[in-house]
Protein backbone atom coordinates (compact mmCIF):
# COMPACT_ATOMS: atom_id res chain seq x y z
CA UNK A 1 109.99 114.55 110.72
CA UNK A 2 106.56 115.63 110.10
CA UNK A 3 106.06 118.54 107.63
CA UNK A 4 105.13 121.75 109.55
CA UNK A 5 101.97 122.12 107.30
CA UNK A 6 100.65 118.65 107.92
CA UNK A 7 96.96 118.51 108.85
CA UNK A 8 97.56 118.14 112.51
CA UNK A 9 99.70 121.43 112.63
CA UNK A 10 97.87 124.10 110.66
CA UNK A 11 99.02 127.68 110.44
CA UNK A 12 97.35 129.70 112.97
CA UNK A 13 95.36 131.72 110.46
CA UNK A 14 93.72 128.66 109.02
CA UNK A 15 93.53 126.37 112.14
CA UNK A 16 89.77 127.05 112.45
CA UNK A 17 89.16 125.51 109.00
CA UNK A 18 91.79 122.63 109.39
CA UNK A 19 90.20 119.28 110.14
CA UNK A 20 91.69 116.49 111.88
CA UNK A 21 93.64 118.31 114.50
CA UNK A 22 95.06 116.68 117.40
CA UNK A 23 97.28 117.86 120.26
CA UNK A 24 100.83 117.05 119.96
CA UNK A 25 101.80 114.01 122.11
CA UNK A 26 104.97 114.38 124.27
CA UNK A 27 106.30 111.37 126.18
CA UNK A 28 103.17 109.45 125.34
CA UNK A 29 100.60 112.02 126.66
CA UNK A 30 98.93 114.90 124.92
CA UNK A 31 100.74 118.08 125.95
CA UNK A 32 97.46 119.82 126.84
CA UNK A 33 96.73 117.18 129.35
CA UNK A 34 100.13 117.70 130.91
CA UNK A 35 99.49 121.42 131.10
CA UNK A 36 96.11 121.04 132.73
CA UNK A 37 97.51 118.37 135.27
CA UNK A 38 100.23 120.82 136.35
CA UNK A 39 98.55 124.07 136.45
CA UNK A 40 99.08 124.75 140.10
CA UNK A 41 102.64 123.60 140.08
CA UNK A 42 103.38 125.54 136.90
CA UNK A 43 101.83 128.72 138.31
CA UNK A 44 103.92 128.52 141.42
CA UNK A 45 107.01 127.90 139.41
CA UNK A 46 106.29 130.82 137.14
CA UNK A 47 105.76 133.10 140.12
CA UNK A 48 108.97 131.72 141.74
CA UNK A 49 110.85 132.32 138.50
CA UNK A 50 109.55 135.94 138.42
CA UNK A 51 110.88 136.62 141.95
CA UNK A 52 114.15 135.05 140.98
CA UNK A 53 114.74 136.51 137.54
CA UNK A 54 112.70 139.73 137.35
CA UNK A 55 113.68 141.50 140.64
CA UNK A 56 111.10 144.34 140.20
CA UNK A 57 108.33 141.73 140.98
CA UNK A 58 109.79 141.36 144.42
CA UNK A 59 108.21 145.03 145.21
CA UNK A 60 104.77 143.64 144.88
CA UNK A 61 102.82 142.78 147.98
CA UNK A 62 102.87 139.25 149.04
CA UNK A 63 98.98 138.87 148.75
CA UNK A 64 99.16 140.14 145.28
CA UNK A 65 101.74 137.58 144.21
CA UNK A 66 99.91 134.59 145.77
CA UNK A 67 96.42 135.97 144.77
CA UNK A 68 96.14 138.04 141.49
CA UNK A 69 99.38 137.12 139.86
CA UNK A 70 99.19 133.41 140.56
CA UNK A 71 95.45 133.40 139.31
CA UNK A 72 96.46 135.20 136.15
CA UNK A 73 99.08 132.79 135.62
CA UNK A 74 96.78 129.81 136.17
CA UNK A 75 94.36 131.35 133.51
CA UNK A 76 97.12 131.72 130.95
CA UNK A 77 98.09 128.09 131.48
CA UNK A 78 94.69 126.98 130.88
CA UNK A 79 94.24 129.19 127.83
CA UNK A 80 97.51 127.70 126.44
CA UNK A 81 96.24 124.13 127.03
CA UNK A 82 93.06 125.13 125.08
CA UNK A 83 95.15 126.24 122.19
CA UNK A 84 97.30 123.06 122.29
CA UNK A 85 94.16 120.86 122.49
CA UNK A 86 92.10 122.53 119.63
CA UNK A 87 94.75 124.13 117.53
CA UNK A 88 92.74 127.37 117.71
CA UNK A 89 93.93 130.67 119.18
CA UNK A 90 92.82 131.25 122.88
CA UNK A 91 89.47 133.06 123.14
CA UNK A 92 89.51 136.74 122.70
CA UNK A 93 88.52 137.32 126.32
CA UNK A 94 91.76 135.65 127.46
CA UNK A 95 93.83 138.32 125.68
CA UNK A 96 91.53 141.06 127.09
CA UNK A 97 92.48 139.71 130.51
CA UNK A 98 96.10 140.00 129.46
CA UNK A 99 95.73 143.50 128.34
CA UNK A 100 93.84 144.51 131.68
CA UNK A 101 96.52 142.81 133.79
CA UNK A 102 99.33 144.74 131.89
CA UNK A 103 97.40 147.96 132.33
CA UNK A 104 97.42 147.33 136.15
CA UNK A 105 101.25 146.67 136.16
CA UNK A 106 101.61 149.94 134.23
CA UNK A 107 99.57 151.83 136.93
CA UNK A 108 101.72 150.22 139.70
CA UNK A 109 104.77 151.48 138.07
CA UNK A 110 106.47 148.15 136.74
CA UNK A 111 108.55 148.71 133.61
CA UNK A 112 107.48 147.37 130.31
CA UNK A 113 110.42 145.07 129.84
CA UNK A 114 109.52 143.29 133.06
CA UNK A 115 105.90 142.91 132.00
CA UNK A 116 106.83 141.35 128.68
CA UNK A 117 109.61 139.26 130.17
CA UNK A 118 106.90 137.72 132.47
CA UNK A 119 105.14 136.15 129.56
CA UNK A 120 108.41 134.80 128.10
CA UNK A 121 109.15 133.38 131.35
CA UNK A 122 105.81 131.80 131.78
CA UNK A 123 105.98 130.04 128.43
CA UNK A 124 109.54 128.99 129.11
CA UNK A 125 108.54 127.25 132.33
CA UNK A 126 105.54 125.44 130.44
CA UNK A 127 107.92 124.40 127.65
CA UNK A 128 110.35 122.87 130.15
CA UNK A 129 107.75 121.14 132.09
CA UNK A 130 106.13 119.47 129.04
CA UNK A 131 109.35 118.69 127.22
CA UNK A 132 111.05 116.97 130.26
CA UNK A 133 108.99 114.01 129.33
CA UNK A 134 109.94 114.01 125.52
CA UNK A 135 111.17 110.77 123.95
CA UNK A 136 113.61 110.16 121.02
CA UNK A 137 110.65 109.93 118.64
CA UNK A 138 108.90 113.14 119.63
CA UNK A 139 110.87 115.72 117.45
CA UNK A 140 108.00 116.48 115.13
CA UNK A 141 105.47 116.78 118.04
CA UNK A 142 107.98 119.16 119.77
CA UNK A 143 108.06 121.34 116.63
CA UNK A 144 104.22 121.44 116.52
CA UNK A 145 104.19 122.41 120.31
CA UNK A 146 106.93 125.07 119.84
CA UNK A 147 104.99 126.70 116.98
CA UNK A 148 101.84 126.90 119.03
CA UNK A 149 103.68 128.27 122.09
CA UNK A 150 105.25 130.89 119.91
CA UNK A 151 101.84 131.99 118.26
CA UNK A 152 100.48 132.34 121.91
CA UNK A 153 103.39 134.36 123.10
CA UNK A 154 103.10 136.68 120.03
CA UNK A 155 99.34 137.32 120.94
CA UNK A 156 100.02 137.66 124.60
CA UNK A 157 102.89 140.11 124.26
CA UNK A 158 100.93 142.18 121.56
CA UNK A 159 97.97 142.33 124.04
CA UNK A 160 100.30 143.12 127.20
CA UNK A 161 102.10 145.90 125.27
CA UNK A 162 98.73 147.54 124.30
CA UNK A 163 97.41 147.23 127.79
CA UNK A 164 100.62 148.66 129.24
CA UNK A 165 100.09 151.63 127.06
CA UNK A 166 96.54 151.98 128.23
CA UNK A 167 97.73 151.89 131.81
CA UNK A 168 100.27 154.59 131.18
CA UNK A 169 97.95 156.79 129.41
CA UNK A 170 97.36 159.93 131.59
CA UNK A 171 93.89 160.23 133.24
CA UNK A 172 93.21 163.38 131.25
CA UNK A 173 91.16 161.72 128.55
CA UNK A 174 88.11 163.73 127.40
CA UNK A 175 85.76 162.11 129.97
CA UNK A 176 88.12 162.47 132.83
CA UNK A 177 89.15 166.00 131.97
CA UNK A 178 85.45 167.11 131.71
CA UNK A 179 84.63 165.71 135.16
CA UNK A 180 87.74 167.27 136.75
CA UNK A 181 86.76 170.70 135.14
CA UNK A 182 83.40 170.37 136.73
CA UNK A 183 84.94 169.67 140.05
CA UNK A 184 87.28 172.61 139.58
CA UNK A 185 84.48 174.84 138.72
CA UNK A 186 82.42 173.74 141.75
CA UNK A 187 85.28 174.17 144.25
CA UNK A 188 85.88 177.60 142.92
CA UNK A 189 82.33 178.48 143.21
CA UNK A 190 82.11 179.25 139.63
CA UNK A 191 79.04 178.61 137.42
CA UNK A 192 79.12 174.92 136.58
CA UNK A 193 76.21 174.35 134.33
CA UNK A 194 78.35 174.40 131.17
CA UNK A 195 81.10 172.14 132.66
CA UNK A 196 78.29 169.67 133.79
CA UNK A 197 76.98 169.51 130.21
CA UNK A 198 80.40 168.99 128.82
CA UNK A 199 80.95 166.00 131.35
CA UNK A 200 77.58 164.56 130.27
CA UNK A 201 76.24 165.14 133.84
CA UNK A 202 73.24 166.92 135.37
CA UNK A 203 73.94 169.18 138.40
CA UNK A 204 72.03 167.71 141.39
CA UNK A 205 70.12 170.03 143.83
CA UNK A 206 72.60 169.15 146.40
CA UNK A 207 75.97 167.43 146.90
CA UNK A 208 77.43 165.55 149.77
CA UNK A 209 80.79 166.95 150.15
CA UNK A 210 83.22 164.35 151.72
CA UNK A 211 86.73 164.99 152.91
CA UNK A 212 88.39 161.44 153.22
CA UNK A 213 91.45 160.50 155.25
CA UNK A 214 92.71 156.98 154.19
CA UNK A 215 95.04 154.98 156.33
CA UNK A 216 97.90 153.02 155.12
CA UNK A 217 97.38 149.50 153.89
CA UNK A 218 99.57 146.98 155.95
CA UNK A 219 101.38 146.32 152.53
CA UNK A 220 102.76 149.80 152.57
CA UNK A 221 104.87 148.84 155.48
CA UNK A 222 105.73 145.27 154.66
CA UNK A 223 109.45 144.62 154.34
CA UNK A 224 110.66 144.23 150.71
CA UNK A 225 107.25 145.56 149.28
CA UNK A 226 107.34 148.83 147.21
CA UNK A 227 105.12 151.07 149.30
CA UNK A 228 104.25 153.05 146.16
CA UNK A 229 102.86 149.97 144.38
CA UNK A 230 100.90 149.01 147.48
CA UNK A 231 99.48 152.50 147.84
CA UNK A 232 98.59 152.62 144.12
CA UNK A 233 96.77 149.31 144.44
CA UNK A 234 94.86 150.63 147.47
CA UNK A 235 93.83 153.63 145.69
CA UNK A 236 92.62 151.76 142.58
CA UNK A 237 90.45 149.43 144.70
CA UNK A 238 89.05 152.41 146.61
CA UNK A 239 88.12 154.26 143.34
CA UNK A 240 86.63 151.10 141.75
CA UNK A 241 84.40 150.54 144.78
CA UNK A 242 83.39 154.11 144.97
CA UNK A 243 82.47 154.16 141.27
CA UNK A 244 80.39 151.08 141.81
CA UNK A 245 78.62 152.35 144.80
CA UNK A 246 77.85 155.75 143.33
CA UNK A 247 77.10 154.44 139.88
CA UNK A 248 80.02 156.56 138.59
CA UNK A 249 78.41 159.75 139.70
CA UNK A 250 81.10 160.84 142.13
CA UNK A 251 83.54 163.52 141.40
CA UNK A 252 86.90 162.85 142.93
CA UNK A 253 90.17 164.31 143.71
CA UNK A 254 91.89 161.59 145.64
CA UNK A 255 95.38 160.35 146.40
CA UNK A 256 96.50 157.34 148.46
CA UNK A 257 96.09 159.24 151.72
CA UNK A 258 92.69 160.85 151.07
CA UNK A 259 91.25 163.74 149.34
CA UNK A 260 87.91 165.14 148.27
CA UNK A 261 84.68 163.48 146.92
CA UNK A 262 81.33 165.03 145.67
CA UNK A 263 78.50 162.73 145.46
CA UNK A 264 75.00 163.88 144.29
CA UNK A 265 72.39 163.85 147.19
CA UNK A 266 69.10 162.84 145.87
CA UNK A 267 66.99 163.88 148.83
CA UNK A 268 67.14 166.97 151.16
CA UNK A 269 70.13 166.88 153.33
CA UNK A 270 68.72 168.72 156.45
CA UNK A 271 66.14 167.30 158.59
CA UNK A 272 62.62 169.10 158.91
CA UNK A 273 62.04 171.54 161.68
CA UNK A 274 60.00 168.94 163.70
CA UNK A 275 62.04 166.06 164.92
CA UNK A 276 58.89 163.91 164.93
CA UNK A 277 58.27 164.51 161.19
CA UNK A 278 57.47 161.29 159.30
CA UNK A 279 59.79 162.38 156.57
CA UNK A 280 62.98 162.47 158.76
CA UNK A 281 63.83 158.86 157.99
CA UNK A 282 63.62 159.66 154.25
CA UNK A 283 65.87 162.65 154.78
CA UNK A 284 68.41 160.57 156.64
CA UNK A 285 68.47 157.70 153.94
CA UNK A 286 71.00 159.27 151.71
CA UNK A 287 73.41 159.68 154.56
CA UNK A 288 72.81 156.19 155.79
CA UNK A 289 73.64 155.01 152.24
CA UNK A 290 76.84 157.21 152.18
CA UNK A 291 77.95 155.83 155.56
CA UNK A 292 77.42 152.29 154.14
CA UNK A 293 79.40 153.32 151.03
CA UNK A 294 82.42 154.63 153.10
CA UNK A 295 82.49 151.32 154.98
CA UNK A 296 82.38 149.32 151.71
CA UNK A 297 85.11 151.51 150.14
CA UNK A 298 87.34 150.97 153.41
CA UNK A 299 86.99 147.25 153.08
CA UNK A 300 87.76 147.26 149.39
CA UNK A 301 90.81 149.44 149.91
CA UNK A 302 91.89 147.25 152.96
CA UNK A 303 92.51 150.45 155.15
CA UNK A 304 90.50 152.50 157.44
CA UNK A 305 88.71 155.56 155.93
CA UNK A 306 87.64 158.52 158.05
CA UNK A 307 85.26 161.02 156.38
CA UNK A 308 84.10 164.55 157.28
CA UNK A 309 80.84 165.40 155.40
CA UNK A 310 78.63 168.30 154.66
CA UNK A 311 75.86 169.02 152.21
CA UNK A 312 75.54 171.92 149.81
CA UNK A 313 73.94 173.29 146.58
CA UNK A 314 76.38 173.31 143.75
CA UNK A 315 76.98 177.18 144.43
CA UNK A 316 77.79 176.43 147.97
CA UNK A 317 80.35 173.70 147.60
CA UNK A 318 83.47 175.70 148.47
CA UNK A 319 81.89 176.49 151.98
CA UNK A 320 80.90 172.88 152.42
CA UNK A 321 84.29 171.59 151.51
CA UNK A 322 85.80 173.90 154.11
CA UNK A 323 83.36 172.58 156.75
CA UNK A 324 83.75 168.86 155.76
CA UNK A 325 87.53 169.37 156.22
CA UNK A 326 87.08 170.90 159.64
CA UNK A 327 84.73 168.01 160.68
CA UNK A 328 87.36 165.62 159.57
CA UNK A 329 90.05 167.37 161.40
CA UNK A 330 87.93 167.39 164.49
CA UNK A 331 86.94 163.86 164.14
CA UNK A 332 90.62 162.80 163.83
CA UNK A 333 91.81 165.00 166.72
CA UNK A 334 89.35 163.42 169.07
CA UNK A 335 90.05 159.92 167.93
CA UNK A 336 86.57 159.31 166.38
CA UNK A 337 86.39 155.77 164.82
CA UNK A 338 86.57 155.25 160.91
CA UNK A 339 83.40 156.17 159.06
CA UNK A 340 81.37 159.08 158.00
CA UNK A 341 80.95 162.09 160.42
CA UNK A 342 78.86 165.08 160.09
CA UNK A 343 78.80 168.29 161.99
CA UNK A 344 75.95 166.99 164.09
CA UNK A 345 78.18 164.14 165.14
CA UNK A 346 80.94 166.43 166.59
CA UNK A 347 79.05 169.35 167.68
CA UNK A 348 80.55 169.81 171.13
CA UNK A 349 84.08 169.03 169.83
CA UNK A 350 83.70 171.27 167.03
CA UNK A 351 82.68 174.19 169.22
CA UNK A 352 85.33 173.57 171.70
CA UNK A 353 87.89 173.77 169.04
CA UNK A 354 86.89 177.20 167.73
CA UNK A 355 89.34 179.80 169.04
CA UNK A 356 88.06 181.91 171.93
CA UNK A 357 89.11 183.13 175.52
CA UNK A 358 86.76 180.38 176.87
CA UNK A 359 88.68 177.68 175.17
CA UNK A 360 92.09 178.73 176.57
CA UNK A 361 90.53 179.06 180.02
CA UNK A 362 89.13 175.59 179.73
CA UNK A 363 92.33 174.12 178.55
CA UNK A 364 94.02 175.75 181.52
CA UNK A 365 92.01 173.67 183.95
CA UNK A 366 93.92 170.54 183.34
CA UNK A 367 97.40 172.26 182.65
CA UNK A 368 98.60 171.01 186.10
CA UNK A 369 98.63 167.61 184.54
CA UNK A 370 100.97 168.51 181.59
CA UNK A 371 104.07 167.64 183.37
CA UNK A 372 102.87 164.32 184.64
CA UNK A 373 102.20 162.36 181.39
CA UNK A 374 100.88 159.29 183.12
CA UNK A 375 98.18 161.28 184.88
CA UNK A 376 96.84 162.75 181.54
CA UNK A 377 97.01 159.34 180.02
CA UNK A 378 95.12 157.80 182.96
CA UNK A 379 92.35 160.47 182.86
CA UNK A 380 91.90 160.18 179.05
CA UNK A 381 91.70 156.26 179.38
CA UNK A 382 89.32 156.50 182.39
CA UNK A 383 86.98 158.64 180.31
CA UNK A 384 87.10 156.50 177.27
CA UNK A 385 86.45 153.46 179.38
CA UNK A 386 83.35 154.78 180.81
CA UNK A 387 84.91 155.61 184.34
CA UNK A 388 85.38 151.92 184.93
CA UNK A 389 88.45 151.80 187.18
CA UNK A 390 89.07 148.11 186.40
CA UNK A 391 88.83 148.71 182.63
CA UNK A 392 91.27 151.60 183.11
CA UNK A 393 93.60 149.43 185.20
CA UNK A 394 93.47 146.52 182.69
CA UNK A 395 94.17 148.82 179.69
CA UNK A 396 97.06 150.66 181.31
CA UNK A 397 98.43 147.38 182.95
CA UNK A 398 98.10 148.86 186.41
CA UNK A 399 96.76 147.68 189.73
CA UNK A 400 93.20 149.33 190.49
CA UNK A 401 94.67 150.75 193.62
CA UNK A 402 97.24 152.68 191.44
CA UNK A 403 94.31 153.98 189.22
CA UNK A 404 92.64 155.32 192.41
CA UNK A 405 95.62 156.94 193.63
CA UNK A 406 96.16 158.67 190.19
CA UNK A 407 92.59 159.81 190.13
CA UNK A 408 93.02 161.46 193.53
CA UNK A 409 96.20 163.12 192.35
CA UNK A 410 94.31 164.44 189.34
CA UNK A 411 91.55 165.84 191.75
CA UNK A 412 94.12 167.33 193.99
CA UNK A 413 96.00 169.17 191.23
CA UNK A 414 93.06 170.39 189.10
CA UNK A 415 90.19 170.74 191.57
CA UNK A 416 88.23 168.56 189.20
CA UNK A 417 87.21 165.06 190.50
CA UNK A 418 86.82 162.24 187.96
CA UNK A 419 84.59 160.58 190.49
CA UNK A 420 82.21 163.36 190.77
CA UNK A 421 79.52 163.35 188.03
CA UNK A 422 79.17 167.08 188.09
CA UNK A 423 82.94 167.53 187.17
CA UNK A 424 82.87 165.02 184.12
CA UNK A 425 81.45 167.44 181.59
CA UNK A 426 84.20 170.20 182.56
CA UNK A 427 86.99 167.53 182.44
CA UNK A 428 85.72 166.34 179.05
CA UNK A 429 85.60 169.92 177.67
CA UNK A 430 88.88 170.84 179.18
CA UNK A 431 90.58 167.95 177.41
CA UNK A 432 88.96 168.77 174.08
CA UNK A 433 90.01 172.56 174.53
CA UNK A 434 93.63 171.42 175.46
CA UNK A 435 93.85 169.29 172.34
CA UNK A 436 92.55 172.10 170.31
CA UNK A 437 95.02 174.53 171.72
CA UNK A 438 97.67 172.42 170.95
CA UNK A 439 96.77 171.97 167.40
CA UNK A 440 96.01 175.54 166.83
CA UNK A 441 96.89 177.72 169.69
CA UNK A 442 95.27 181.20 169.86
CA UNK A 443 97.79 183.92 169.01
């Protein structure tokens, strides 16, 4: 048996200075070549082993297991092959990647023992894969390989443990705490200059105040997937894209279902008095950018995002936040598509949802349809489809003659004829008022 300190098996601390290194040969083939040749097979075996032996990993979304976890595993196998081939520790950035991955597992709520066991399991699978080809004379080579694998395991578990602690560290470090203090001051309407200085930020002339509603990611409803893990992954992606798009200037108070975002507006938020002003395109540019940002954030999160928005000077943020929430509420109630919505986008709906005697009387116009659920559904579908009876019939899986019959019944019961252009505005307003009455009836 070869001595452990022979030239081809240097101690890890001196391997960089030891000449003549060669990879251990198992079954007639250098072990690093076996590892590289089996990267995909090994990664799949490791993931399968995790699901079988570490049940908590079954809570992860399928796309995470076949995507991120598999890619990370392949990277670790290649790093291991590098160490076997050169006798050198894997490059430092490999262990940085291990640390970052462990931090993500901590954020997702996986226990530390499961994270560390994953590294042990990975090396166990690699060891069994390489040594199944061992011959009787390979004992010394196996000792060399075993030492290398243990060295890599020590480095990986050390990095994973440190990364896990990073991920569990509360989000109240100095920078985050200072930014949250600034957001709190702005929402309270308090002087915010000192809080901004502590956060290392300069107060802008105006903020875009966004109230977000974030839909569930499909993984949050996938059988066997922990919905909490899926929701935290969605939120992490959302925050990362928001930081990227706003150059980390946004102040946020977000959960997986939505929340509040303040983004500096670097141009006037309101259009000039003259609609023909040459500056109007410049004025709208920040809002166009924000609308694009909301779209990018939704794609990154893998979930629809609906946003109500308003603009305000720092001292006016509380009022703007209330208005942004109202705009969001109106957009949600009236089935507006995902994206950014301002008051100008929902003026009619907003006005109709304000409590008044007129609102109640408008809602009463279509009250006769309340007991005939199919009539109200037909009316809404007909309006949403541009008053096209064939579209309405197709959407509701009805014969067009049935649609005609229902429209005549609606006209007879309400006195408002969906086929008469003059009645369309009153019908639309009545539906809006009825929705508002049901959401917040006048007392």
